[in-house]
PDB file of N, CA and C in Angstrom:
ATOM      1  N   MET A   1     -27.063 -18.887   9.217  1.00  0.00           N
ATOM      2  CA  MET A   1     -25.880 -18.671  10.244  1.00  0.00           C
ATOM      3  C   MET A   1     -25.787 -17.790  11.019  1.00  0.00           C
ATOM      4  N   LYS A   2     -25.813 -18.115  12.299  1.00  0.00           N
ATOM      5  CA  LYS A   2     -25.942 -17.134  13.568  1.00  0.00           C
ATOM      6  C   LYS A   2     -25.200 -15.761  13.693  1.00  0.00           C
ATOM      7  N   ASP A   3     -23.940 -16.301  13.058  1.00  0.00           N
ATOM      8  CA  ASP A   3     -22.831 -15.302  13.011  1.00  0.00           C
ATOM      9  C   ASP A   3     -23.503 -13.768  12.269  1.00  0.00           C
ATOM     10  N   TYR A   4     -23.962 -14.383  11.142  1.00  0.00           N
ATOM     11  CA  TYR A   4     -24.490 -12.943  10.445  1.00  0.00           C
ATOM     12  C   TYR A   4     -24.668 -11.641  11.307  1.00  0.00           C
ATOM     13  N   PRO A   5     -25.682 -11.719  12.082  1.00  0.00           N
ATOM     14  CA  PRO A   5     -26.474 -10.589  12.497  1.00  0.00           C
ATOM     15  C   PRO A   5     -24.942  -9.922  13.324  1.00  0.00           C
ATOM     16  N   ALA A   6     -24.332 -10.617  13.969  1.00  0.00           N
ATOM     17  CA  ALA A   6     -23.353 -10.228  15.009  1.00  0.00           C
ATOM     18  C   ALA A   6     -21.820  -9.611  14.049  1.00  0.00           C
ATOM     19  N   GLN A   7     -21.978  -9.911  12.739  1.00  0.00           N
ATOM     20  CA  GLN A   7     -20.998  -9.429  11.752  1.00  0.00           C
ATOM     21  C   GLN A   7     -21.429  -8.220  11.320  1.00  0.00           C
ATOM     22  N   LEU A   8     -22.780  -8.377  10.984  1.00  0.00           N
ATOM     23  CA  LEU A   8     -23.053  -7.101  10.670  1.00  0.00           C
ATOM     24  C   LEU A   8     -23.082  -5.748  11.298  1.00  0.00           C
ATOM     25  N   GLU A   9     -24.083  -6.051  12.864  1.00  0.00           N
ATOM     26  CA  GLU A   9     -23.777  -5.213  13.838  1.00  0.00           C
ATOM     27  C   GLU A   9     -22.015  -4.659  14.254  1.00  0.00           C
ATOM     28  N   LYS A  10     -21.041  -5.505  13.880  1.00  0.00           N
ATOM     29  CA  LYS A  10     -19.905  -5.096  14.124  1.00  0.00           C
ATOM     30  C   LYS A  10     -19.170  -4.031  12.974  1.00  0.00           C
ATOM     31  N   LEU A  11     -19.782  -4.472  11.752  1.00  0.00           N
ATOM     32  CA  LEU A  11     -19.295  -3.724  10.534  1.00  0.00           C
ATOM     33  C   LEU A  11     -19.996  -2.159  10.614  1.00  0.00           C
ATOM     34  N   ARG A  12     -21.320  -2.380  11.045  1.00  0.00           N
ATOM     35  CA  ARG A  12     -21.933  -1.169  11.087  1.00  0.00           C
ATOM     36  C   ARG A  12     -21.244  -0.012  12.150  1.00  0.00           C
ATOM     37  N   LYS A  13     -20.915  -1.082  13.146  1.00  0.00           N
ATOM     38  CA  LYS A  13     -20.419  -0.001  14.201  1.00  0.00           C
ATOM     39  C   LYS A  13     -19.176   0.744  13.910  1.00  0.00           C
ATOM     40  N   ASP A  14     -18.220  -0.281  13.326  1.00  0.00           N
ATOM     41  CA  ASP A  14     -16.763   0.009  12.846  1.00  0.00           C
ATOM     42  C   ASP A  14     -16.928   1.283  11.901  1.00  0.00           C
ATOM     43  N   ALA A  15     -17.933   0.813  10.692  1.00  0.00           N
ATOM     44  CA  ALA A  15     -18.115   2.115   9.816  1.00  0.00           C
ATOM     45  C   ALA A  15     -18.641   3.533  10.284  1.00  0.00           C
ATOM     46  N   ALA A  16     -19.057   3.266  11.257  1.00  0.00           N
ATOM     47  CA  ALA A  16     -19.532   4.423  12.385  1.00  0.00           C
ATOM     48  C   ALA A  16     -18.442   5.105  12.949  1.00  0.00           C
ATOM     49  N   GLU A  17     -17.588   4.121  13.631  1.00  0.00           N
ATOM     50  CA  GLU A  17     -16.510   5.044  14.498  1.00  0.00           C
ATOM     51  C   GLU A  17     -15.656   5.807  13.639  1.00  0.00           C
ATOM     52  N   CYS A  18     -15.183   5.033  12.354  1.00  0.00           N
ATOM     53  CA  CYS A  18     -14.846   5.554  10.962  1.00  0.00           C
ATOM     54  C   CYS A  18     -15.414   7.054  10.415  1.00  0.00           C
ATOM     55  N   ALA A  19     -16.366   6.917  10.625  1.00  0.00           N
ATOM     56  CA  ALA A  19     -17.042   8.282  10.191  1.00  0.00           C
ATOM     57  C   ALA A  19     -16.885   8.845  11.222  1.00  0.00           C
ATOM     58  N   LEU A  20     -16.572   8.780  12.317  1.00  0.00           N
ATOM     59  CA  LEU A  20     -16.911  10.126  13.989  1.00  0.00           C
ATOM     60  C   LEU A  20     -14.931  10.220  13.738  1.00  0.00           C
ATOM     61  N   ILE A  21     -14.283   9.447  13.161  1.00  0.00           N
ATOM     62  CA  ILE A  21     -12.876  10.058  13.212  1.00  0.00           C
ATOM     63  C   ILE A  21     -12.382  10.738  12.031  1.00  0.00           C
ATOM     64  N   ARG A  22     -13.015  10.183  10.881  1.00  0.00           N
ATOM     65  CA  ARG A  22     -13.035  11.206   9.755  1.00  0.00           C
ATOM     66  C   ARG A  22     -13.724  12.746  10.202  1.00  0.00           C
ATOM     67  N   ASP A  23     -14.958  12.419  10.878  1.00  0.00           N
ATOM     68  CA  ASP A  23     -15.378  14.126  10.963  1.00  0.00           C
ATOM     69  C   ASP A  23     -14.239  15.050  11.960  1.00  0.00           C
ATOM     70  N   LEU A  24     -13.615  14.470  12.833  1.00  0.00           N
ATOM     71  CA  LEU A  24     -12.764  14.773  13.885  1.00  0.00           C
ATOM     72  C   LEU A  24     -11.573  15.083  13.525  1.00  0.00           C
ATOM     73  N   ALA A  25     -11.388  14.480  12.385  1.00  0.00           N
ATOM     74  CA  ALA A  25      -9.699  14.956  11.921  1.00  0.00           C
ATOM     75  C   ALA A  25      -9.430  16.000  11.313  1.00  0.00           C
ATOM     76  N   THR A  26      -8.158  16.622  11.298  1.00  0.00           N
ATOM     77  CA  THR A  26      -8.034  17.841  11.271  1.00  0.00           C
ATOM     78  C   THR A  26      -6.950  17.730  10.016  1.00  0.00           C
ATOM     79  N   GLU A  27      -6.338  16.569   9.532  1.00  0.00           N
ATOM     80  CA  GLU A  27      -5.470  16.655   8.622  1.00  0.00           C
ATOM     81  C   GLU A  27      -6.318  15.765   7.254  1.00  0.00           C
ATOM     82  N   PRO A  28      -5.880  16.540   5.895  1.00  0.00           N
ATOM     83  CA  PRO A  28      -6.953  15.823   4.588  1.00  0.00           C
ATOM     84  C   PRO A  28      -6.578  14.335   4.482  1.00  0.00           C
ATOM     85  N   ALA A  29      -5.286  13.760   4.664  1.00  0.00           N
ATOM     86  CA  ALA A  29      -4.814  12.427   4.568  1.00  0.00           C
ATOM     87  C   ALA A  29      -5.660  11.754   5.289  1.00  0.00           C
ATOM     88  N   LYS A  30      -5.908  12.231   6.693  1.00  0.00           N
ATOM     89  CA  LYS A  30      -6.520  11.030   7.558  1.00  0.00           C
ATOM     90  C   LYS A  30      -7.997  11.365   7.224  1.00  0.00           C
ATOM     91  N   ARG A  31      -8.486  12.361   6.937  1.00  0.00           N
ATOM     92  CA  ARG A  31      -9.952  12.563   6.648  1.00  0.00           C
ATOM     93  C   ARG A  31     -10.126  11.775   5.223  1.00  0.00           C
ATOM     94  N   GLU A  32      -9.159  11.244   4.308  1.00  0.00           N
ATOM     95  CA  GLU A  32      -9.588  10.721   3.321  1.00  0.00           C
ATOM     96  C   GLU A  32      -9.890   9.227   3.674  1.00  0.00           C
ATOM     97  N   LEU A  33      -8.347   8.922   4.721  1.00  0.00           N
ATOM     98  CA  LEU A  33      -8.462   7.212   5.198  1.00  0.00           C
ATOM     99  C   LEU A  33      -9.356   7.019   5.284  1.00  0.00           C
ATOM    100  N   PHE A  34     -10.247   7.725   6.725  1.00  0.00           N
ATOM    101  CA  PHE A  34     -10.957   7.491   7.268  1.00  0.00           C
ATOM    102  C   PHE A  34     -12.511   7.480   6.350  1.00  0.00           C
ATOM    103  N   ASP A  35     -12.496   8.163   5.670  1.00  0.00           N
ATOM    104  CA  ASP A  35     -13.534   8.414   4.961  1.00  0.00           C
ATOM    105  C   ASP A  35     -14.022   7.183   3.825  1.00  0.00           C
ATOM    106  N   ARG A  36     -12.760   6.713   3.005  1.00  0.00           N
ATOM    107  CA  ARG A  36     -12.551   5.471   2.748  1.00  0.00           C
ATOM    108  C   ARG A  36     -13.040   4.501   3.435  1.00  0.00           C
ATOM    109  N   LEU A  37     -12.503   4.383   4.593  1.00  0.00           N
ATOM    110  CA  LEU A  37     -12.729   3.309   5.649  1.00  0.00           C
ATOM    111  C   LEU A  37     -13.907   2.929   5.800  1.00  0.00           C
ATOM    112  N   ALA A  38     -14.858   4.082   6.384  1.00  0.00           N
ATOM    113  CA  ALA A  38     -16.255   4.354   6.535  1.00  0.00           C
ATOM    114  C   ALA A  38     -17.000   3.563   5.305  1.00  0.00           C
ATOM    115  N   ASN A  39     -16.959   4.109   4.001  1.00  0.00           N
ATOM    116  CA  ASN A  39     -17.542   3.675   2.662  1.00  0.00           C
ATOM    117  C   ASN A  39     -17.222   2.134   2.791  1.00  0.00           C
ATOM    118  N   HIS A  40     -16.269   1.805   2.718  1.00  0.00           N
ATOM    119  CA  HIS A  40     -15.531   0.094   2.659  1.00  0.00           C
ATOM    120  C   HIS A  40     -16.214  -0.670   3.243  1.00  0.00           C
ATOM    121  N   LEU A  41     -16.283  -0.004   4.574  1.00  0.00           N
ATOM    122  CA  LEU A  41     -17.012  -0.805   5.477  1.00  0.00           C
ATOM    123  C   LEU A  41     -18.663  -1.429   5.703  1.00  0.00           C
ATOM    124  N   THR A  42     -19.269   0.338   5.177  1.00  0.00           N
ATOM    125  CA  THR A  42     -20.541   0.209   4.629  1.00  0.00           C
ATOM    126  C   THR A  42     -20.848  -0.535   3.416  1.00  0.00           C
ATOM    127  N   VAL A  43     -20.321  -0.709   2.843  1.00  0.00           N
ATOM    128  CA  VAL A  43     -20.515  -1.592   1.809  1.00  0.00           C
ATOM    129  C   VAL A  43     -20.516  -2.954   2.102  1.00  0.00           C
ATOM    130  N   LEU A  44     -19.383  -3.421   2.899  1.00  0.00           N
ATOM    131  CA  LEU A  44     -19.517  -4.770   3.095  1.00  0.00           C
ATOM    132  C   LEU A  44     -20.664  -5.241   4.199  1.00  0.00           C
ATOM    133  N   ALA A  45     -21.224  -4.075   5.144  1.00  0.00           N
ATOM    134  CA  ALA A  45     -21.916  -4.454   5.561  1.00  0.00           C
ATOM    135  C   ALA A  45     -23.280  -4.408   5.000  1.00  0.00           C
ATOM    136  N   ASP A  46     -23.479  -3.709   3.855  1.00  0.00           N
ATOM    137  CA  ASP A  46     -24.512  -3.861   3.229  1.00  0.00           C
ATOM    138  C   ASP A  46     -24.651  -5.426   2.383  1.00  0.00           C
ATOM    139  N   GLN A  47     -23.199  -5.562   2.413  1.00  0.00           N
ATOM    140  CA  GLN A  47     -23.387  -7.224   1.204  1.00  0.00           C
ATOM    141  C   GLN A  47     -23.788  -8.445   2.502  1.00  0.00           C
ATOM    142  N   VAL A  48     -23.455  -8.133   3.509  1.00  0.00           N
ATOM    143  CA  VAL A  48     -23.453  -9.129   4.562  1.00  0.00           C
ATOM    144  C   VAL A  48     -25.082  -9.158   4.656  1.00  0.00           C
ATOM    145  N   GLU A  49     -25.744  -8.140   4.793  1.00  0.00           N
ATOM    146  CA  GLU A  49     -27.169  -7.349   5.009  1.00  0.00           C
ATOM    147  C   GLU A  49     -27.890  -8.418   3.805  1.00  0.00           C
ATOM    148  N   THR A  50     -27.232  -8.380   2.658  1.00  0.00           N
ATOM    149  CA  THR A  50     -28.205  -8.647   1.297  1.00  0.00           C
ATOM    150  C   THR A  50     -27.980 -10.314   1.486  1.00  0.00           C
ATOM    151  N   ALA A  51     -26.871 -10.869   1.982  1.00  0.00           N
ATOM    152  CA  ALA A  51     -26.453 -12.194   1.799  1.00  0.00           C
ATOM    153  C   ALA A  51     -27.507 -12.938   3.236  1.00  0.00           C
ATOM    154  N   MET A  52     -28.201 -12.392   4.178  1.00  0.00           N
ATOM    155  CA  MET A  52     -28.736 -12.665   4.863  1.00  0.00           C
ATOM    156  C   MET A  52     -30.232 -12.452   4.583  1.00  0.00           C
ATOM    157  N   LEU A  53     -30.591 -11.470   3.604  1.00  0.00           N
ATOM    158  CA  LEU A  53     -31.983 -11.477   3.003  1.00  0.00           C
ATOM    159  C   LEU A  53     -31.831 -12.897   2.216  1.00  0.00           C
ATOM    160  N   GLU A  54     -30.987 -12.487   0.916  1.00  0.00           N
ATOM    161  CA  GLU A  54     -30.883 -14.504   0.435  1.00  0.00           C
ATOM    162  C   GLU A  54     -31.291 -15.330   1.090  1.00  0.00           C
ATOM    163  N   ARG A  55     -30.275 -15.411   1.830  1.00  0.00           N
ATOM    164  CA  ARG A  55     -30.726 -16.720   2.695  1.00  0.00           C
ATOM    165  C   ARG A  55     -31.952 -16.979   3.399  1.00  0.00           C
ATOM    166  N   LYS A  56     -32.444 -15.911   3.830  1.00  0.00           N
ATOM    167  CA  LYS A  56     -33.840 -15.978   4.810  1.00  0.00           C
ATOM    168  C   LYS A  56     -35.126 -16.413   3.838  1.00  0.00           C
ATOM    169  N   THR A  57     -34.797 -15.595   2.561  1.00  0.00           N
ATOM    170  CA  THR A  57     -36.117 -15.571   1.420  1.00  0.00           C
ATOM    171  C   THR A  57     -35.628 -16.545   0.371  1.00  0.00           C
ATOM    172  N   GLY A  58     -34.470 -17.061   0.286  1.00  0.00           N
ATOM    173  CA  GLY A  58     -34.383 -18.197  -1.066  1.00  0.00           C
ATOM    174  C   GLY A  58     -34.106 -17.485  -2.314  1.00  0.00           C
ATOM    175  N   THR A  59     -34.039 -15.888  -2.005  1.00  0.00           N
ATOM    176  CA  THR A  59     -34.074 -15.363  -3.731  1.00  0.00           C
ATOM    177  C   THR A  59     -32.970 -14.491  -3.547  1.00  0.00           C
ATOM    178  N   ARG A  60     -32.611 -14.244  -4.754  1.00  0.00           N
ATOM    179  CA  ARG A  60     -31.440 -13.253  -5.109  1.00  0.00           C
ATOM    180  C   ARG A  60     -32.168 -11.509  -4.897  1.00  0.00           C
ATOM    181  N   PRO A  61     -31.683 -10.452  -4.438  1.00  0.00           N
ATOM    182  CA  PRO A  61     -32.232  -9.362  -4.980  1.00  0.00           C
ATOM    183  C   PRO A  61     -32.017  -8.968  -6.343  1.00  0.00           C
ATOM    184  N   PRO A  62     -32.528  -8.298  -7.569  1.00  0.00           N
ATOM    185  CA  PRO A  62     -32.208  -7.492  -8.248  1.00  0.00           C
ATOM    186  C   PRO A  62     -31.110  -7.242  -8.816  1.00  0.00           C
ATOM    187  N   ASP A  63     -30.541  -7.538  -9.587  1.00  0.00           N
ATOM    188  CA  ASP A  63     -29.035  -7.283 -10.580  1.00  0.00           C
ATOM    189  C   ASP A  63     -28.771  -5.801  -9.903  1.00  0.00           C
ATOM    190  N   SER A  64     -29.854  -4.953 -10.267  1.00  0.00           N
ATOM    191  CA  SER A  64     -29.281  -3.393 -10.192  1.00  0.00           C
ATOM    192  C   SER A  64     -29.124  -3.100  -9.232  1.00  0.00           C
ATOM    193  N   MET A  65     -29.479  -3.710  -8.033  1.00  0.00           N
ATOM    194  CA  MET A  65     -29.047  -3.756  -6.520  1.00  0.00           C
ATOM    195  C   MET A  65     -27.705  -4.243  -6.437  1.00  0.00           C
ATOM    196  N   ARG A  66     -27.489  -5.312  -6.869  1.00  0.00           N
ATOM    197  CA  ARG A  66     -26.140  -6.039  -6.636  1.00  0.00           C
ATOM    198  C   ARG A  66     -25.100  -5.220  -7.196  1.00  0.00           C
ATOM    199  N   HIS A  67     -25.300  -4.891  -8.227  1.00  0.00           N
ATOM    200  CA  HIS A  67     -24.413  -4.024  -9.149  1.00  0.00           C
ATOM    201  C   HIS A  67     -24.127  -2.591  -8.472  1.00  0.00           C
ATOM    202  N   ALA A  68     -24.527  -2.460  -8.055  1.00  0.00           N
ATOM    203  CA  ALA A  68     -24.781  -1.002  -7.270  1.00  0.00           C
ATOM    204  C   ALA A  68     -24.306  -0.793  -6.060  1.00  0.00           C
ATOM    205  N   VAL A  69     -23.778  -2.089  -5.354  1.00  0.00           N
ATOM    206  CA  VAL A  69     -23.077  -2.440  -4.194  1.00  0.00           C
ATOM    207  C   VAL A  69     -21.782  -2.249  -4.672  1.00  0.00           C
ATOM    208  N   MET A  70     -21.841  -3.534  -5.994  1.00  0.00           N
ATOM    209  CA  MET A  70     -20.246  -3.963  -6.429  1.00  0.00           C
ATOM    210  C   MET A  70     -19.535  -2.469  -6.800  1.00  0.00           C
ATOM    211  N   ASP A  71     -20.568  -1.691  -7.490  1.00  0.00           N
ATOM    212  CA  ASP A  71     -19.890  -0.569  -8.024  1.00  0.00           C
ATOM    213  C   ASP A  71     -18.754   0.159  -7.147  1.00  0.00           C
ATOM    214  N   LEU A  72     -19.269   0.338  -5.800  1.00  0.00           N
ATOM    215  CA  LEU A  72     -18.840   1.059  -4.804  1.00  0.00           C
ATOM    216  C   LEU A  72     -17.420   0.736  -4.174  1.00  0.00           C
ATOM    217  N   MET A  73     -17.146  -1.098  -4.746  1.00  0.00           N
ATOM    218  CA  MET A  73     -15.781  -1.415  -4.337  1.00  0.00           C
ATOM    219  C   MET A  73     -14.877  -1.297  -5.120  1.00  0.00           C
ATOM    220  N   PRO A  74     -13.673  -1.109  -5.343  1.00  0.00           N
ATOM    221  CA  PRO A  74     -12.745  -1.240  -6.487  1.00  0.00           C
ATOM    222  C   PRO A  74     -12.602  -2.650  -6.885  1.00  0.00           C
ATOM    223  N   ALA A  75     -12.559  -3.152  -7.836  1.00  0.00           N
ATOM    224  CA  ALA A  75     -12.819  -4.807  -8.497  1.00  0.00           C
ATOM    225  C   ALA A  75     -11.442  -5.360  -8.101  1.00  0.00           C
ATOM    226  N   ALA A  76     -10.475  -4.626  -7.618  1.00  0.00           N
ATOM    227  CA  ALA A  76      -9.559  -5.828  -7.115  1.00  0.00           C
ATOM    228  C   ALA A  76     -10.255  -6.000  -5.616  1.00  0.00           C
ATOM    229  N   ILE A  77     -10.317  -5.338  -4.750  1.00  0.00           N
ATOM    230  CA  ILE A  77     -10.557  -5.479  -3.703  1.00  0.00           C
ATOM    231  C   ILE A  77     -11.678  -6.388  -3.691  1.00  0.00           C
ATOM    232  N   SER A  78     -12.829  -6.592  -4.315  1.00  0.00           N
ATOM    233  CA  SER A  78     -14.029  -7.490  -4.388  1.00  0.00           C
ATOM    234  C   SER A  78     -13.722  -8.489  -4.713  1.00  0.00           C
ATOM    235  N   ARG A  79     -12.771  -8.913  -5.565  1.00  0.00           N
ATOM    236  CA  ARG A  79     -11.953 -10.260  -6.000  1.00  0.00           C
ATOM    237  C   ARG A  79     -10.852 -10.644  -4.830  1.00  0.00           C
ATOM    238  N   GLN A  80     -10.535 -10.085  -4.510  1.00  0.00           N
ATOM    239  CA  GLN A  80      -9.497 -10.453  -3.118  1.00  0.00           C
ATOM    240  C   GLN A  80     -10.126 -11.125  -2.031  1.00  0.00           C
ATOM    241  N   ARG A  81      -9.491 -12.209  -1.521  1.00  0.00           N
ATOM    242  CA  ARG A  81      -9.812 -12.968  -0.357  1.00  0.00           C
ATOM    243  C   ARG A  81      -8.498 -12.878   0.415  1.00  0.00           C
ATOM    244  N   THR A  82      -8.645 -12.886   1.557  1.00  0.00           N
ATOM    245  CA  THR A  82      -7.664 -12.690   2.620  1.00  0.00           C
ATOM    246  C   THR A  82      -8.750 -13.074   3.974  1.00  0.00           C
ATOM    247  N   SER A  83      -7.602 -13.146   4.748  1.00  0.00           N
ATOM    248  CA  SER A  83      -7.940 -13.714   5.780  1.00  0.00           C
ATOM    249  C   SER A  83      -7.878 -13.414   7.227  1.00  0.00           C
ATOM    250  N   ILE A  84      -7.552 -11.740   6.778  1.00  0.00           N
ATOM    251  CA  ILE A  84      -7.597 -10.661   8.260  1.00  0.00           C
ATOM    252  C   ILE A  84      -8.872 -10.339   8.096  1.00  0.00           C
ATOM    253  N   GLY A  85      -9.370  -9.292   8.967  1.00  0.00           N
ATOM    254  CA  GLY A  85     -10.405  -8.622   8.864  1.00  0.00           C
ATOM    255  C   GLY A  85     -10.582  -7.571   8.056  1.00  0.00           C
ATOM    256  N   PRO A  86     -12.030  -7.058   7.502  1.00  0.00           N
ATOM    257  CA  PRO A  86     -11.882  -6.114   6.807  1.00  0.00           C
ATOM    258  C   PRO A  86     -11.261  -4.506   7.335  1.00  0.00           C
ATOM    259  N   PHE A  87     -11.462  -4.107   8.288  1.00  0.00           N
ATOM    260  CA  PHE A  87     -10.269  -2.904   9.097  1.00  0.00           C
ATOM    261  C   PHE A  87      -9.097  -3.303   8.819  1.00  0.00           C
ATOM    262  N   ALA A  88      -8.511  -4.234   9.157  1.00  0.00           N
ATOM    263  CA  ALA A  88      -6.868  -4.530   9.181  1.00  0.00           C
ATOM    264  C   ALA A  88      -6.581  -4.724   7.899  1.00  0.00           C
ATOM    265  N   TYR A  89      -7.077  -5.208   6.929  1.00  0.00           N
ATOM    266  CA  TYR A  89      -7.022  -5.214   5.544  1.00  0.00           C
ATOM    267  C   TYR A  89      -6.903  -3.981   4.709  1.00  0.00           C
ATOM    268  N   TRP A  90      -7.879  -2.819   5.138  1.00  0.00           N
ATOM    269  CA  TRP A  90      -7.836  -1.465   4.633  1.00  0.00           C
ATOM    270  C   TRP A  90      -6.439  -1.097   5.163  1.00  0.00           C
ATOM    271  N   VAL A  91      -6.227  -0.918   6.269  1.00  0.00           N
ATOM    272  CA  VAL A  91      -5.005  -0.136   7.312  1.00  0.00           C
ATOM    273  C   VAL A  91      -3.626  -0.894   6.480  1.00  0.00           C
ATOM    274  N   ALA A  92      -3.730  -2.084   6.305  1.00  0.00           N
ATOM    275  CA  ALA A  92      -2.747  -2.799   5.800  1.00  0.00           C
ATOM    276  C   ALA A  92      -2.174  -2.247   4.206  1.00  0.00           C
ATOM    277  N   ARG A  93      -3.541  -2.029   3.860  1.00  0.00           N
ATOM    278  CA  ARG A  93      -3.386  -1.908   2.053  1.00  0.00           C
ATOM    279  C   ARG A  93      -2.788  -0.369   2.256  1.00  0.00           C
ATOM    280  N   ILE A  94      -3.872   0.575   2.984  1.00  0.00           N
ATOM    281  CA  ILE A  94      -3.150   1.725   2.924  1.00  0.00           C
ATOM    282  C   ILE A  94      -1.918   2.154   3.493  1.00  0.00           C
ATOM    283  N   TYR A  95      -1.488   1.812   4.593  1.00  0.00           N
ATOM    284  CA  TYR A  95      -0.486   2.191   5.065  1.00  0.00           C
ATOM    285  C   TYR A  95       0.601   0.788   4.963  1.00  0.00           C
ATOM    286  N   GLY A  96       0.580   0.056   4.185  1.00  0.00           N
ATOM    287  CA  GLY A  96       1.565  -1.055   3.917  1.00  0.00           C
ATOM    288  C   GLY A  96       2.514  -0.553   2.710  1.00  0.00           C
ATOM    289  N   PRO A  97       3.712  -1.383   2.611  1.00  0.00           N
ATOM    290  CA  PRO A  97       4.506  -1.082   1.104  1.00  0.00           C
ATOM    291  C   PRO A  97       4.260  -0.782  -0.028  1.00  0.00           C
ATOM    292  N   LYS A  98       3.899  -0.117  -0.903  1.00  0.00           N
ATOM    293  CA  LYS A  98       3.594   0.581  -1.933  1.00  0.00           C
ATOM    294  C   LYS A  98       4.474  -0.377  -3.536  1.00  0.00           C
TER     295      LYS A  98
END
């Protein structure tokens, strides 16, 4: 797919922006929120990169590598399918109704 590199770049940029906001935040709640967002976007970018490599080489990475990435994501999130983007999903999940 031609849009994989563009999506990968966008995820990496979004993760970097969240990390920057986290570093500048003075409130602990905001710092935690943007830390979680940065970590989640980084995991998503790693998954896109893994998918790109799988497609390019026709092989899958070792299971230990796949499990390491999946362990960073909460199980409910990794199974959830949503039509909104990852950043909007996390913001809605954190600020949405409890």
